[in-house]
PDB file of all heavy atoms in Angstrom:
ATOM      1  N   PHE A   1       0.834  -1.201   0.000  1.00  0.00           N
ATOM      2  CA  PHE A   1       0.000   0.000   0.000  1.00  0.00           C
ATOM      3  C   PHE A   1       0.866   1.247   0.000  1.00  0.00           C
ATOM      4  O   PHE A   1       1.958   1.262   0.578  1.00  0.00           O
ATOM      5  CB  PHE A   1      -0.903   0.041   1.234  1.00  0.00           C
ATOM      6  CG  PHE A   1      -1.999  -0.984   1.258  1.00  0.00           C
ATOM      7  CD1 PHE A   1      -2.043  -2.030   0.346  1.00  0.00           C
ATOM      8  CD2 PHE A   1      -3.001  -0.909   2.218  1.00  0.00           C
ATOM      9  CE1 PHE A   1      -3.054  -2.977   0.382  1.00  0.00           C
ATOM     10  CE2 PHE A   1      -4.024  -1.844   2.262  1.00  0.00           C
ATOM     11  CZ  PHE A   1      -4.048  -2.879   1.345  1.00  0.00           C
ATOM     12  N   THR A   2       0.360   2.315  -0.612  1.00  0.00           N
ATOM     13  CA  THR A   2       1.059   3.592  -0.644  1.00  0.00           C
ATOM     14  C   THR A   2       0.074   4.725  -0.390  1.00  0.00           C
ATOM     15  O   THR A   2      -0.979   4.781  -1.021  1.00  0.00           O
ATOM     16  CB  THR A   2       1.752   3.826  -1.995  1.00  0.00           C
ATOM     17  OG1 THR A   2       2.661   2.751  -2.273  1.00  0.00           O
ATOM     18  CG2 THR A   2       2.534   5.135  -1.967  1.00  0.00           C
ATOM     19  N   ILE A   3       0.418   5.621   0.531  1.00  0.00           N
ATOM     20  CA  ILE A   3      -0.402   6.799   0.799  1.00  0.00           C
ATOM     21  C   ILE A   3       0.267   8.016   0.170  1.00  0.00           C
ATOM     22  O   ILE A   3       1.497   8.153   0.212  1.00  0.00           O
ATOM     23  CB  ILE A   3      -0.607   7.007   2.315  1.00  0.00           C
ATOM     24  CG1 ILE A   3      -1.578   8.171   2.576  1.00  0.00           C
ATOM     25  CG2 ILE A   3       0.714   7.230   3.038  1.00  0.00           C
ATOM     26  CD1 ILE A   3      -1.988   8.317   4.042  1.00  0.00           C
ATOM     27  N   CYS A   4      -0.531   8.889  -0.417  1.00  0.00           N
ATOM     28  CA  CYS A   4       0.008  10.116  -0.986  1.00  0.00           C
ATOM     29  C   CYS A   4      -1.055  11.209  -0.942  1.00  0.00           C
ATOM     30  O   CYS A   4      -2.232  10.947  -0.699  1.00  0.00           O
ATOM     31  CB  CYS A   4       0.516   9.904  -2.415  1.00  0.00           C
ATOM     32  SG  CYS A   4      -0.748   9.368  -3.587  1.00  0.00           S
ATOM     33  N   ARG A   5      -0.620  12.438  -1.183  1.00  0.00           N
ATOM     34  CA  ARG A   5      -1.495  13.602  -1.072  1.00  0.00           C
ATOM     35  C   ARG A   5      -1.332  14.503  -2.282  1.00  0.00           C
ATOM     36  O   ARG A   5      -0.216  14.744  -2.754  1.00  0.00           O
ATOM     37  CB  ARG A   5      -1.152  14.364   0.211  1.00  0.00           C
ATOM     38  CG  ARG A   5      -1.814  15.709   0.381  1.00  0.00           C
ATOM     39  CD  ARG A   5      -1.141  16.473   1.508  1.00  0.00           C
ATOM     40  NE  ARG A   5      -1.940  16.527   2.723  1.00  0.00           N
ATOM     41  CZ  ARG A   5      -1.509  16.205   3.933  1.00  0.00           C
ATOM     42  NH1 ARG A   5      -0.267  15.774   4.100  1.00  0.00           N
ATOM     43  NH2 ARG A   5      -2.312  16.312   4.978  1.00  0.00           N
ATOM     44  N   ASP A   6      -2.440  15.015  -2.793  1.00  0.00           N
ATOM     45  CA  ASP A   6      -2.436  16.025  -3.833  1.00  0.00           C
ATOM     46  C   ASP A   6      -3.038  17.278  -3.218  1.00  0.00           C
ATOM     47  O   ASP A   6      -4.259  17.413  -3.137  1.00  0.00           O
ATOM     48  CB  ASP A   6      -3.235  15.573  -5.049  1.00  0.00           C
ATOM     49  CG  ASP A   6      -3.118  16.530  -6.219  1.00  0.00           C
ATOM     50  OD1 ASP A   6      -2.832  17.729  -6.004  1.00  0.00           O
ATOM     51  OD2 ASP A   6      -3.308  16.089  -7.368  1.00  0.00           O
ATOM     52  N   THR A   7      -2.187  18.187  -2.778  1.00  0.00           N
ATOM     53  CA  THR A   7      -2.644  19.377  -2.080  1.00  0.00           C
ATOM     54  C   THR A   7      -3.548  20.248  -2.945  1.00  0.00           C
ATOM     55  O   THR A   7      -4.542  20.792  -2.470  1.00  0.00           O
ATOM     56  CB  THR A   7      -1.440  20.198  -1.587  1.00  0.00           C
ATOM     57  OG1 THR A   7      -0.626  19.396  -0.734  1.00  0.00           O
ATOM     58  CG2 THR A   7      -1.901  21.424  -0.819  1.00  0.00           C
ATOM     59  N   ALA A   8      -3.222  20.371  -4.221  1.00  0.00           N
ATOM     60  CA  ALA A   8      -4.007  21.202  -5.129  1.00  0.00           C
ATOM     61  C   ALA A   8      -5.442  20.710  -5.260  1.00  0.00           C
ATOM     62  O   ALA A   8      -6.356  21.502  -5.496  1.00  0.00           O
ATOM     63  CB  ALA A   8      -3.343  21.257  -6.497  1.00  0.00           C
ATOM     64  N   LYS A   9      -5.648  19.408  -5.105  1.00  0.00           N
ATOM     65  CA  LYS A   9      -6.982  18.824  -5.232  1.00  0.00           C
ATOM     66  C   LYS A   9      -7.621  18.504  -3.896  1.00  0.00           C
ATOM     67  O   LYS A   9      -8.711  17.925  -3.849  1.00  0.00           O
ATOM     68  CB  LYS A   9      -6.917  17.553  -6.083  1.00  0.00           C
ATOM     69  CG  LYS A   9      -6.486  17.793  -7.518  1.00  0.00           C
ATOM     70  CD  LYS A   9      -6.517  16.508  -8.313  1.00  0.00           C
ATOM     71  CE  LYS A   9      -6.081  16.733  -9.751  1.00  0.00           C
ATOM     72  NZ  LYS A   9      -7.010  17.628 -10.479  1.00  0.00           N
ATOM     73  N   ASN A  10      -6.954  18.867  -2.800  1.00  0.00           N
ATOM     74  CA  ASN A  10      -7.463  18.584  -1.451  1.00  0.00           C
ATOM     75  C   ASN A  10      -7.821  17.110  -1.290  1.00  0.00           C
ATOM     76  O   ASN A  10      -8.848  16.765  -0.700  1.00  0.00           O
ATOM     77  CB  ASN A  10      -8.683  19.452  -1.145  1.00  0.00           C
ATOM     78  CG  ASN A  10      -8.328  20.903  -0.901  1.00  0.00           C
ATOM     79  OD1 ASN A  10      -7.172  21.305  -1.007  1.00  0.00           O
ATOM     80  ND2 ASN A  10      -9.327  21.704  -0.573  1.00  0.00           N
ATOM     81  N   THR A  11      -6.960  16.241  -1.795  1.00  0.00           N
ATOM     82  CA  THR A  11      -7.260  14.816  -1.832  1.00  0.00           C
ATOM     83  C   THR A  11      -6.087  13.985  -1.326  1.00  0.00           C
ATOM     84  O   THR A  11      -4.930  14.269  -1.648  1.00  0.00           O
ATOM     85  CB  THR A  11      -7.615  14.373  -3.261  1.00  0.00           C
ATOM     86  OG1 THR A  11      -8.739  15.128  -3.726  1.00  0.00           O
ATOM     87  CG2 THR A  11      -7.972  12.893  -3.297  1.00  0.00           C
ATOM     88  N   VAL A  12      -6.409  12.966  -0.530  1.00  0.00           N
ATOM     89  CA  VAL A  12      -5.438  11.975  -0.080  1.00  0.00           C
ATOM     90  C   VAL A  12      -5.809  10.643  -0.711  1.00  0.00           C
ATOM     91  O   VAL A  12      -6.988  10.282  -0.764  1.00  0.00           O
ATOM     92  CB  VAL A  12      -5.418  11.865   1.453  1.00  0.00           C
ATOM     93  CG1 VAL A  12      -4.478  10.746   1.899  1.00  0.00           C
ATOM     94  CG2 VAL A  12      -4.986  13.188   2.068  1.00  0.00           C
ATOM     95  N   TYR A  13      -4.809   9.906  -1.167  1.00  0.00           N
ATOM     96  CA  TYR A  13      -5.037   8.643  -1.850  1.00  0.00           C
ATOM     97  C   TYR A  13      -4.430   7.479  -1.077  1.00  0.00           C
ATOM     98  O   TYR A  13      -3.449   7.631  -0.356  1.00  0.00           O
ATOM     99  CB  TYR A  13      -4.398   8.656  -3.241  1.00  0.00           C
ATOM    100  CG  TYR A  13      -4.793   9.832  -4.095  1.00  0.00           C
ATOM    101  CD1 TYR A  13      -4.016  10.981  -4.116  1.00  0.00           C
ATOM    102  CD2 TYR A  13      -5.927   9.780  -4.888  1.00  0.00           C
ATOM    103  CE1 TYR A  13      -4.369  12.065  -4.908  1.00  0.00           C
ATOM    104  CE2 TYR A  13      -6.285  10.854  -5.681  1.00  0.00           C
ATOM    105  CZ  TYR A  13      -5.508  11.997  -5.692  1.00  0.00           C
ATOM    106  OH  TYR A  13      -5.856  13.065  -6.480  1.00  0.00           O
ATOM    107  N   LEU A  14      -5.013   6.316  -1.252  1.00  0.00           N
ATOM    108  CA  LEU A  14      -4.423   5.078  -0.771  1.00  0.00           C
ATOM    109  C   LEU A  14      -4.397   4.101  -1.942  1.00  0.00           C
ATOM    110  O   LEU A  14      -5.445   3.598  -2.354  1.00  0.00           O
ATOM    111  CB  LEU A  14      -5.207   4.482   0.398  1.00  0.00           C
ATOM    112  CG  LEU A  14      -4.607   3.207   0.992  1.00  0.00           C
ATOM    113  CD1 LEU A  14      -3.280   3.517   1.689  1.00  0.00           C
ATOM    114  CD2 LEU A  14      -5.582   2.548   1.964  1.00  0.00           C
ATOM    115  N   GLN A  15      -3.206   3.859  -2.473  1.00  0.00           N
ATOM    116  CA  GLN A  15      -3.035   2.892  -3.550  1.00  0.00           C
ATOM    117  C   GLN A  15      -2.789   1.526  -2.934  1.00  0.00           C
ATOM    118  O   GLN A  15      -1.834   1.350  -2.182  1.00  0.00           O
ATOM    119  CB  GLN A  15      -1.866   3.290  -4.453  1.00  0.00           C
ATOM    120  CG  GLN A  15      -1.604   2.326  -5.595  1.00  0.00           C
ATOM    121  CD  GLN A  15      -2.742   2.296  -6.591  1.00  0.00           C
ATOM    122  OE1 GLN A  15      -3.235   3.331  -6.998  1.00  0.00           O
ATOM    123  NE2 GLN A  15      -3.164   1.094  -6.979  1.00  0.00           N
ATOM    124  N   MET A  16      -3.636   0.567  -3.258  1.00  0.00           N
ATOM    125  CA  MET A  16      -3.558  -0.767  -2.685  1.00  0.00           C
ATOM    126  C   MET A  16      -3.254  -1.768  -3.800  1.00  0.00           C
ATOM    127  O   MET A  16      -4.038  -1.916  -4.737  1.00  0.00           O
ATOM    128  CB  MET A  16      -4.862  -1.136  -1.984  1.00  0.00           C
ATOM    129  CG  MET A  16      -5.273  -0.132  -0.917  1.00  0.00           C
ATOM    130  SD  MET A  16      -6.762  -0.638  -0.014  1.00  0.00           S
ATOM    131  CE  MET A  16      -7.978  -0.523  -1.333  1.00  0.00           C
ATOM    132  N   ASN A  17      -2.127  -2.446  -3.682  1.00  0.00           N
ATOM    133  CA  ASN A  17      -1.707  -3.442  -4.657  1.00  0.00           C
ATOM    134  C   ASN A  17      -1.579  -4.808  -3.995  1.00  0.00           C
ATOM    135  O   ASN A  17      -1.492  -4.920  -2.778  1.00  0.00           O
ATOM    136  CB  ASN A  17      -0.368  -3.053  -5.287  1.00  0.00           C
ATOM    137  CG  ASN A  17      -0.420  -1.739  -6.025  1.00  0.00           C
ATOM    138  OD1 ASN A  17      -1.413  -1.409  -6.660  1.00  0.00           O
ATOM    139  ND2 ASN A  17       0.673  -0.983  -5.957  1.00  0.00           N
ATOM    140  N   SER A  18      -1.542  -5.846  -4.821  1.00  0.00           N
ATOM    141  CA  SER A  18      -1.392  -7.225  -4.329  1.00  0.00           C
ATOM    142  C   SER A  18      -2.372  -7.524  -3.207  1.00  0.00           C
ATOM    143  O   SER A  18      -2.009  -8.049  -2.156  1.00  0.00           O
ATOM    144  CB  SER A  18       0.054  -7.458  -3.863  1.00  0.00           C
ATOM    145  OG  SER A  18       0.970  -7.218  -4.907  1.00  0.00           O
ATOM    146  N   LEU A  19      -3.623  -7.202  -3.431  1.00  0.00           N
ATOM    147  CA  LEU A  19      -4.638  -7.329  -2.390  1.00  0.00           C
ATOM    148  C   LEU A  19      -4.884  -8.782  -2.000  1.00  0.00           C
ATOM    149  O   LEU A  19      -4.832  -9.687  -2.837  1.00  0.00           O
ATOM    150  CB  LEU A  19      -5.935  -6.680  -2.849  1.00  0.00           C
ATOM    151  CG  LEU A  19      -5.918  -5.149  -2.795  1.00  0.00           C
ATOM    152  CD1 LEU A  19      -7.025  -4.568  -3.661  1.00  0.00           C
ATOM    153  CD2 LEU A  19      -6.067  -4.676  -1.354  1.00  0.00           C
ATOM    154  N   LYS A  20      -5.164  -8.970  -0.716  1.00  0.00           N
ATOM    155  CA  LYS A  20      -5.447 -10.278  -0.141  1.00  0.00           C
ATOM    156  C   LYS A  20      -6.847 -10.285   0.450  1.00  0.00           C
ATOM    157  O   LYS A  20      -7.411  -9.229   0.743  1.00  0.00           O
ATOM    158  CB  LYS A  20      -4.439 -10.606   0.965  1.00  0.00           C
ATOM    159  CG  LYS A  20      -2.985 -10.480   0.571  1.00  0.00           C
ATOM    160  CD  LYS A  20      -2.086 -10.671   1.785  1.00  0.00           C
ATOM    161  CE  LYS A  20      -0.623 -10.525   1.421  1.00  0.00           C
ATOM    162  NZ  LYS A  20       0.257 -10.683   2.609  1.00  0.00           N
ATOM    163  N   SER A  21      -7.398 -11.469   0.664  1.00  0.00           N
ATOM    164  CA  SER A  21      -8.707 -11.582   1.293  1.00  0.00           C
ATOM    165  C   SER A  21      -8.719 -10.912   2.664  1.00  0.00           C
ATOM    166  O   SER A  21      -9.738 -10.341   3.068  1.00  0.00           O
ATOM    167  CB  SER A  21      -9.111 -13.044   1.443  1.00  0.00           C
ATOM    168  OG  SER A  21      -9.256 -13.656   0.180  1.00  0.00           O
ATOM    169  N   GLU A  22      -7.602 -10.946   3.368  1.00  0.00           N
ATOM    170  CA  GLU A  22      -7.487 -10.353   4.690  1.00  0.00           C
ATOM    171  C   GLU A  22      -7.567  -8.830   4.676  1.00  0.00           C
ATOM    172  O   GLU A  22      -7.696  -8.210   5.729  1.00  0.00           O
ATOM    173  CB  GLU A  22      -6.176 -10.796   5.354  1.00  0.00           C
ATOM    174  CG  GLU A  22      -6.104 -12.274   5.697  1.00  0.00           C
ATOM    175  CD  GLU A  22      -5.871 -13.168   4.488  1.00  0.00           C
ATOM    176  OE1 GLU A  22      -5.369 -12.667   3.448  1.00  0.00           O
ATOM    177  OE2 GLU A  22      -6.185 -14.374   4.565  1.00  0.00           O
ATOM    178  N   ASP A  23      -7.486  -8.223   3.492  1.00  0.00           N
ATOM    179  CA  ASP A  23      -7.616  -6.776   3.371  1.00  0.00           C
ATOM    180  C   ASP A  23      -9.075  -6.324   3.340  1.00  0.00           C
ATOM    181  O   ASP A  23      -9.343  -5.122   3.352  1.00  0.00           O
ATOM    182  CB  ASP A  23      -6.908  -6.276   2.111  1.00  0.00           C
ATOM    183  CG  ASP A  23      -5.401  -6.499   2.155  1.00  0.00           C
ATOM    184  OD1 ASP A  23      -4.794  -6.271   3.222  1.00  0.00           O
ATOM    185  OD2 ASP A  23      -4.840  -6.901   1.119  1.00  0.00           O
ATOM    186  N   THR A  24      -9.994  -7.254   3.281  1.00  0.00           N
ATOM    187  CA  THR A  24     -11.417  -6.921   3.244  1.00  0.00           C
ATOM    188  C   THR A  24     -11.824  -6.198   4.524  1.00  0.00           C
ATOM    189  O   THR A  24     -11.623  -6.707   5.626  1.00  0.00           O
ATOM    190  CB  THR A  24     -12.269  -8.181   3.068  1.00  0.00           C
ATOM    191  OG1 THR A  24     -11.986  -8.770   1.795  1.00  0.00           O
ATOM    192  CG2 THR A  24     -13.751  -7.849   3.147  1.00  0.00           C
ATOM    193  N   ALA A  25     -12.389  -5.001   4.375  1.00  0.00           N
ATOM    194  CA  ALA A  25     -12.777  -4.186   5.521  1.00  0.00           C
ATOM    195  C   ALA A  25     -13.420  -2.899   5.026  1.00  0.00           C
ATOM    196  O   ALA A  25     -13.403  -2.596   3.834  1.00  0.00           O
ATOM    197  CB  ALA A  25     -11.551  -3.850   6.381  1.00  0.00           C
ATOM    198  N   VAL A  26     -13.977  -2.149   5.971  1.00  0.00           N
ATOM    199  CA  VAL A  26     -14.371  -0.777   5.694  1.00  0.00           C
ATOM    200  C   VAL A  26     -13.161   0.100   5.954  1.00  0.00           C
ATOM    201  O   VAL A  26     -12.566   0.029   7.030  1.00  0.00           O
ATOM    202  CB  VAL A  26     -15.555  -0.327   6.565  1.00  0.00           C
ATOM    203  CG1 VAL A  26     -15.886   1.138   6.314  1.00  0.00           C
ATOM    204  CG2 VAL A  26     -16.775  -1.194   6.293  1.00  0.00           C
ATOM    205  N   TYR A  27     -12.803   0.927   4.997  1.00  0.00           N
ATOM    206  CA  TYR A  27     -11.630   1.783   5.102  1.00  0.00           C
ATOM    207  C   TYR A  27     -12.055   3.212   5.418  1.00  0.00           C
ATOM    208  O   TYR A  27     -12.950   3.765   4.778  1.00  0.00           O
ATOM    209  CB  TYR A  27     -10.824   1.747   3.804  1.00  0.00           C
ATOM    210  CG  TYR A  27     -10.002   0.488   3.667  1.00  0.00           C
ATOM    211  CD1 TYR A  27     -10.621  -0.740   3.447  1.00  0.00           C
ATOM    212  CD2 TYR A  27      -8.617   0.515   3.785  1.00  0.00           C
ATOM    213  CE1 TYR A  27      -9.883  -1.903   3.345  1.00  0.00           C
ATOM    214  CE2 TYR A  27      -7.870  -0.645   3.679  1.00  0.00           C
ATOM    215  CZ  TYR A  27      -8.508  -1.856   3.459  1.00  0.00           C
ATOM    216  OH  TYR A  27      -7.763  -3.000   3.353  1.00  0.00           O
ATOM    217  N   TYR A  28     -11.394   3.803   6.409  1.00  0.00           N
ATOM    218  CA  TYR A  28     -11.714   5.141   6.880  1.00  0.00           C
ATOM    219  C   TYR A  28     -10.541   6.092   6.697  1.00  0.00           C
ATOM    220  O   TYR A  28      -9.397   5.741   6.979  1.00  0.00           O
ATOM    221  CB  TYR A  28     -12.082   5.122   8.362  1.00  0.00           C
ATOM    222  CG  TYR A  28     -13.318   4.321   8.688  1.00  0.00           C
ATOM    223  CD1 TYR A  28     -13.237   2.968   9.009  1.00  0.00           C
ATOM    224  CD2 TYR A  28     -14.576   4.921   8.692  1.00  0.00           C
ATOM    225  CE1 TYR A  28     -14.365   2.230   9.310  1.00  0.00           C
ATOM    226  CE2 TYR A  28     -15.705   4.191   8.999  1.00  0.00           C
ATOM    227  CZ  TYR A  28     -15.596   2.847   9.310  1.00  0.00           C
ATOM    228  OH  TYR A  28     -16.714   2.116   9.619  1.00  0.00           O
ATOM    229  N   CYS A  29     -10.848   7.292   6.270  1.00  0.00           N
ATOM    230  CA  CYS A  29      -9.882   8.374   6.191  1.00  0.00           C
ATOM    231  C   CYS A  29      -9.983   9.213   7.455  1.00  0.00           C
ATOM    232  O   CYS A  29     -11.083   9.426   7.984  1.00  0.00           O
ATOM    233  CB  CYS A  29     -10.179   9.230   4.957  1.00  0.00           C
ATOM    234  SG  CYS A  29      -9.086  10.628   4.696  1.00  0.00           S
ATOM    235  N   ALA A  30      -8.854   9.682   7.967  1.00  0.00           N
ATOM    236  CA  ALA A  30      -8.832  10.470   9.192  1.00  0.00           C
ATOM    237  C   ALA A  30      -7.873  11.644   9.068  1.00  0.00           C
ATOM    238  O   ALA A  30      -6.886  11.576   8.333  1.00  0.00           O
ATOM    239  CB  ALA A  30      -8.417   9.589  10.377  1.00  0.00           C
ATOM    240  N   ALA A  31      -8.166  12.707   9.812  1.00  0.00           N
ATOM    241  CA  ALA A  31      -7.340  13.908   9.801  1.00  0.00           C
ATOM    242  C   ALA A  31      -7.063  14.380  11.225  1.00  0.00           C
ATOM    243  O   ALA A  31      -7.929  14.303  12.097  1.00  0.00           O
ATOM    244  CB  ALA A  31      -8.015  15.021   9.006  1.00  0.00           C
ATOM    245  N   ARG A  32      -5.854  14.875  11.440  1.00  0.00           N
ATOM    246  CA  ARG A  32      -5.445  15.449  12.714  1.00  0.00           C
ATOM    247  C   ARG A  32      -5.092  16.910  12.488  1.00  0.00           C
ATOM    248  O   ARG A  32      -4.311  17.221  11.587  1.00  0.00           O
ATOM    249  CB  ARG A  32      -4.240  14.691  13.277  1.00  0.00           C
ATOM    250  CG  ARG A  32      -3.622  15.300  14.526  1.00  0.00           C
ATOM    251  CD  ARG A  32      -2.347  14.557  14.904  1.00  0.00           C
ATOM    252  NE  ARG A  32      -1.620  15.208  15.973  1.00  0.00           N
ATOM    253  CZ  ARG A  32      -1.707  14.885  17.265  1.00  0.00           C
ATOM    254  NH1 ARG A  32      -2.493  13.885  17.645  1.00  0.00           N
ATOM    255  NH2 ARG A  32      -1.001  15.539  18.165  1.00  0.00           N
ATOM    256  N   ASP A  33      -5.648  17.792  13.316  1.00  0.00           N
ATOM    257  CA  ASP A  33      -5.354  19.218  13.154  1.00  0.00           C
ATOM    258  C   ASP A  33      -4.710  19.841  14.380  1.00  0.00           C
ATOM    259  O   ASP A  33      -4.535  21.053  14.428  1.00  0.00           O
ATOM    260  CB  ASP A  33      -6.607  20.000  12.745  1.00  0.00           C
ATOM    261  CG  ASP A  33      -7.623  20.140  13.858  1.00  0.00           C
ATOM    262  OD1 ASP A  33      -7.487  19.478  14.903  1.00  0.00           O
ATOM    263  OD2 ASP A  33      -8.576  20.928  13.663  1.00  0.00           O
ATOM    264  N   ARG A  34      -4.324  19.036  15.365  1.00  0.00           N
ATOM    265  CA  ARG A  34      -3.685  19.559  16.553  1.00  0.00           C
ATOM    266  C   ARG A  34      -2.256  20.003  16.264  1.00  0.00           C
ATOM    267  O   ARG A  34      -1.765  20.928  16.871  1.00  0.00           O
ATOM    268  CB  ARG A  34      -3.710  18.531  17.694  1.00  0.00           C
ATOM    269  CG  ARG A  34      -5.045  18.425  18.393  1.00  0.00           C
ATOM    270  CD  ARG A  34      -5.101  17.222  19.300  1.00  0.00           C
ATOM    271  NE  ARG A  34      -5.397  16.005  18.569  1.00  0.00           N
ATOM    272  CZ  ARG A  34      -5.321  14.784  19.097  1.00  0.00           C
ATOM    273  NH1 ARG A  34      -4.927  14.635  20.356  1.00  0.00           N
ATOM    274  NH2 ARG A  34      -5.626  13.727  18.363  1.00  0.00           N
ATOM    275  N   ASP A  35      -1.595  19.319  15.363  1.00  0.00           N
ATOM    276  CA  ASP A  35      -0.294  19.708  14.863  1.00  0.00           C
ATOM    277  C   ASP A  35      -0.015  18.931  13.585  1.00  0.00           C
ATOM    278  O   ASP A  35      -0.812  18.058  13.214  1.00  0.00           O
ATOM    279  CB  ASP A  35       0.825  19.501  15.890  1.00  0.00           C
ATOM    280  CG  ASP A  35       1.007  18.049  16.293  1.00  0.00           C
ATOM    281  OD1 ASP A  35       1.133  17.189  15.404  1.00  0.00           O
ATOM    282  OD2 ASP A  35       1.036  17.773  17.505  1.00  0.00           O
ATOM    283  N   GLY A  36       1.076  19.247  12.929  1.00  0.00           N
ATOM    284  CA  GLY A  36       1.427  18.557  11.703  1.00  0.00           C
ATOM    285  C   GLY A  36       2.901  18.258  11.597  1.00  0.00           C
ATOM    286  O   GLY A  36       3.476  18.301  10.507  1.00  0.00           O
TER     287      GLY A  36
END
């Protein structure tokens, strides 16, 4: 898996390759604004 960000599009991506049955789940995006 690879996470990346496109600031111009206000979008975060998760590229998932070589997927397995164990990867089955609900996936959630989260943000922290207390610091960076």
